[in-house]
Amino acid sequence: MNHEAPAVGVLAASPAELALMQQATAILEKLGVSHEIRVMSAHRNPDLVDEYARTAFERGIKALICSTGISGHLAAAVASRTVIPVPPSALDRPS
């Protein structure tokens, strides 16, 4: 079992988006990048999102990937509380 601190945090805004974000973790696994995946809503659990974002850097997270869902609030809420890069997700954009 690998006990390395995760380098990337992957956040899904809802359980419905979890399968989509698991595609990102599959790629990270193929690349050998340590990661963690969580489900949290900026609307339903703003304090949890805030704590996660504020403590991510000190826990060793180097990048955060957030699902944007319909509103895109999770990525914005996370980006507003950390210095860690939160790239825009191409996974959720309409084609």
C-alpha atoms as a PDB file:
ATOM      1  CA  MET A   1       0.000   0.000   0.000  1.00  0.00           C
ATOM      2  CA  ASN A   2       1.324   3.449  -0.947  1.00  0.00           C
ATOM      3  CA  HIS A   3       1.323   5.935   1.939  1.00  0.00           C
ATOM      4  CA  GLU A   4       2.696   8.830  -0.082  1.00  0.00           C
ATOM      5  CA  ALA A   5       0.924  12.140   0.478  1.00  0.00           C
ATOM      6  CA  PRO A   6      -1.322  12.915  -2.487  1.00  0.00           C
ATOM      7  CA  ALA A   7       0.108  15.393  -4.993  1.00  0.00           C
ATOM      8  CA  VAL A   8      -3.244  16.058  -6.667  1.00  0.00           C
ATOM      9  CA  GLY A   9      -6.668  16.553  -5.151  1.00  0.00           C
ATOM     10  CA  VAL A  10      -9.609  15.601  -7.356  1.00  0.00           C
ATOM     11  CA  LEU A  11     -12.970  17.017  -6.292  1.00  0.00           C
ATOM     12  CA  ALA A  12     -16.401  16.086  -7.602  1.00  0.00           C
ATOM     13  CA  ALA A  13     -19.219  18.529  -6.868  1.00  0.00           C
ATOM     14  CA  SER A  14     -21.774  15.725  -6.453  1.00  0.00           C
ATOM     15  CA  PRO A  15     -22.021  11.940  -6.414  1.00  0.00           C
ATOM     16  CA  ALA A  16     -23.426  12.155  -9.950  1.00  0.00           C
ATOM     17  CA  GLU A  17     -20.113  13.661 -11.136  1.00  0.00           C
ATOM     18  CA  LEU A  18     -17.951  11.114  -9.326  1.00  0.00           C
ATOM     19  CA  ALA A  19     -17.771   8.714 -12.284  1.00  0.00           C
ATOM     20  CA  LEU A  20     -16.581  11.529 -14.529  1.00  0.00           C
ATOM     21  CA  MET A  21     -13.873  12.570 -12.096  1.00  0.00           C
ATOM     22  CA  GLN A  22     -12.779   8.952 -11.665  1.00  0.00           C
ATOM     23  CA  GLN A  23     -11.660   9.180 -15.289  1.00  0.00           C
ATOM     24  CA  ALA A  24      -9.181  11.830 -14.149  1.00  0.00           C
ATOM     25  CA  THR A  25      -7.931   9.611 -11.329  1.00  0.00           C
ATOM     26  CA  ALA A  26      -7.481   6.733 -13.789  1.00  0.00           C
ATOM     27  CA  ILE A  27      -5.152   8.927 -15.840  1.00  0.00           C
ATOM     28  CA  LEU A  28      -3.267  10.017 -12.721  1.00  0.00           C
ATOM     29  CA  GLU A  29      -2.848   6.361 -11.750  1.00  0.00           C
ATOM     30  CA  LYS A  30      -1.442   5.514 -15.198  1.00  0.00           C
ATOM     31  CA  LEU A  31       1.027   8.378 -14.815  1.00  0.00           C
ATOM     32  CA  GLY A  32       1.988   7.283 -11.314  1.00  0.00           C
ATOM     33  CA  VAL A  33       0.779  10.524  -9.714  1.00  0.00           C
ATOM     34  CA  SER A  34      -0.407  10.212  -6.125  1.00  0.00           C
ATOM     35  CA  HIS A  35      -3.884  11.625  -5.624  1.00  0.00           C
ATOM     36  CA  GLU A  36      -7.026  11.653  -3.568  1.00  0.00           C
ATOM     37  CA  ILE A  37     -10.634  12.015  -4.650  1.00  0.00           C
ATOM     38  CA  ARG A  38     -13.430  13.613  -2.662  1.00  0.00           C
ATOM     39  CA  VAL A  39     -17.070  14.549  -3.215  1.00  0.00           C
ATOM     40  CA  MET A  40     -18.015  17.946  -1.799  1.00  0.00           C
ATOM     41  CA  SER A  41     -20.471  20.640  -2.731  1.00  0.00           C
ATOM     42  CA  ALA A  42     -19.734  24.352  -2.504  1.00  0.00           C
ATOM     43  CA  HIS A  43     -23.473  24.847  -1.936  1.00  0.00           C
ATOM     44  CA  ARG A  44     -24.296  22.056   0.521  1.00  0.00           C
ATOM     45  CA  ASN A  45     -20.985  21.934   2.432  1.00  0.00           C
ATOM     46  CA  PRO A  46     -19.231  25.307   2.067  1.00  0.00           C
ATOM     47  CA  ASP A  47     -17.305  24.895   5.326  1.00  0.00           C
ATOM     48  CA  LEU A  48     -15.923  21.514   4.213  1.00  0.00           C
ATOM     49  CA  VAL A  49     -14.859  22.956   0.850  1.00  0.00           C
ATOM     50  CA  ASP A  50     -13.252  25.923   2.582  1.00  0.00           C
ATOM     51  CA  GLU A  51     -11.303  23.742   5.015  1.00  0.00           C
ATOM     52  CA  TYR A  52     -10.166  21.378   2.258  1.00  0.00           C
ATOM     53  CA  ALA A  53      -8.932  24.232   0.060  1.00  0.00           C
ATOM     54  CA  ARG A  54      -7.225  26.133   2.886  1.00  0.00           C
ATOM     55  CA  THR A  55      -5.327  23.060   4.138  1.00  0.00           C
ATOM     56  CA  ALA A  56      -4.447  21.462   0.806  1.00  0.00           C
ATOM     57  CA  PHE A  57      -1.068  23.175   0.404  1.00  0.00           C
ATOM     58  CA  GLU A  58       0.176  22.236   3.866  1.00  0.00           C
ATOM     59  CA  ARG A  59      -0.916  18.629   3.205  1.00  0.00           C
ATOM     60  CA  GLY A  60       1.346  18.504   0.124  1.00  0.00           C
ATOM     61  CA  ILE A  61      -1.251  18.920  -2.621  1.00  0.00           C
ATOM     62  CA  LYS A  62       0.346  20.535  -5.691  1.00  0.00           C
ATOM     63  CA  ALA A  63      -2.706  20.822  -7.970  1.00  0.00           C
ATOM     64  CA  LEU A  64      -6.465  20.543  -7.642  1.00  0.00           C
ATOM     65  CA  ILE A  65      -8.882  19.275 -10.266  1.00  0.00           C
ATOM     66  CA  CYS A  66     -12.528  20.176  -9.694  1.00  0.00           C
ATOM     67  CA  SER A  67     -15.633  19.211 -11.578  1.00  0.00           C
ATOM     68  CA  THR A  68     -17.553  22.285 -12.598  1.00  0.00           C
ATOM     69  CA  GLY A  69     -20.983  20.806 -13.034  1.00  0.00           C
ATOM     70  CA  ILE A  70     -23.671  23.177 -14.225  1.00  0.00           C
ATOM     71  CA  SER A  71     -22.733  26.176 -12.095  1.00  0.00           C
ATOM     72  CA  GLY A  72     -18.956  25.882 -11.779  1.00  0.00           C
ATOM     73  CA  HIS A  73     -19.049  27.017  -8.165  1.00  0.00           C
ATOM     74  CA  LEU A  74     -16.850  24.275  -6.714  1.00  0.00           C
ATOM     75  CA  ALA A  75     -13.768  25.233  -8.724  1.00  0.00           C
ATOM     76  CA  ALA A  76     -14.314  28.926  -7.994  1.00  0.00           C
ATOM     77  CA  ALA A  77     -14.827  28.316  -4.269  1.00  0.00           C
ATOM     78  CA  VAL A  78     -11.674  26.199  -4.077  1.00  0.00           C
ATOM     79  CA  ALA A  79      -9.560  28.595  -6.151  1.00  0.00           C
ATOM     80  CA  SER A  80     -10.575  31.512  -3.967  1.00  0.00           C
ATOM     81  CA  ARG A  81      -9.172  29.826  -0.836  1.00  0.00           C
ATOM     82  CA  THR A  82      -5.818  28.429  -1.995  1.00  0.00           C
ATOM     83  CA  VAL A  83      -2.624  29.350  -3.826  1.00  0.00           C
ATOM     84  CA  ILE A  84      -2.623  25.927  -5.497  1.00  0.00           C
ATOM     85  CA  PRO A  85      -3.469  25.882  -9.224  1.00  0.00           C
ATOM     86  CA  VAL A  86      -7.074  24.971 -10.009  1.00  0.00           C
ATOM     87  CA  PRO A  87      -7.124  24.602 -13.802  1.00  0.00           C
ATOM     88  CA  PRO A  88     -10.389  25.006 -15.664  1.00  0.00           C
ATOM     89  CA  SER A  89     -11.924  21.606 -16.347  1.00  0.00           C
ATOM     90  CA  ALA A  90     -12.390  20.743 -19.987  1.00  0.00           C
ATOM     91  CA  LEU A  91     -14.368  17.672 -18.921  1.00  0.00           C
ATOM     92  CA  ASP A  92     -17.525  19.608 -18.089  1.00  0.00           C
ATOM     93  CA  ARG A  93     -17.625  22.162 -20.857  1.00  0.00           C
ATOM     94  CA  PRO A  94     -20.323  21.842 -23.488  1.00  0.00           C
ATOM     95  CA  SER A  95     -18.912  20.811 -26.857  1.00  0.00           C
END
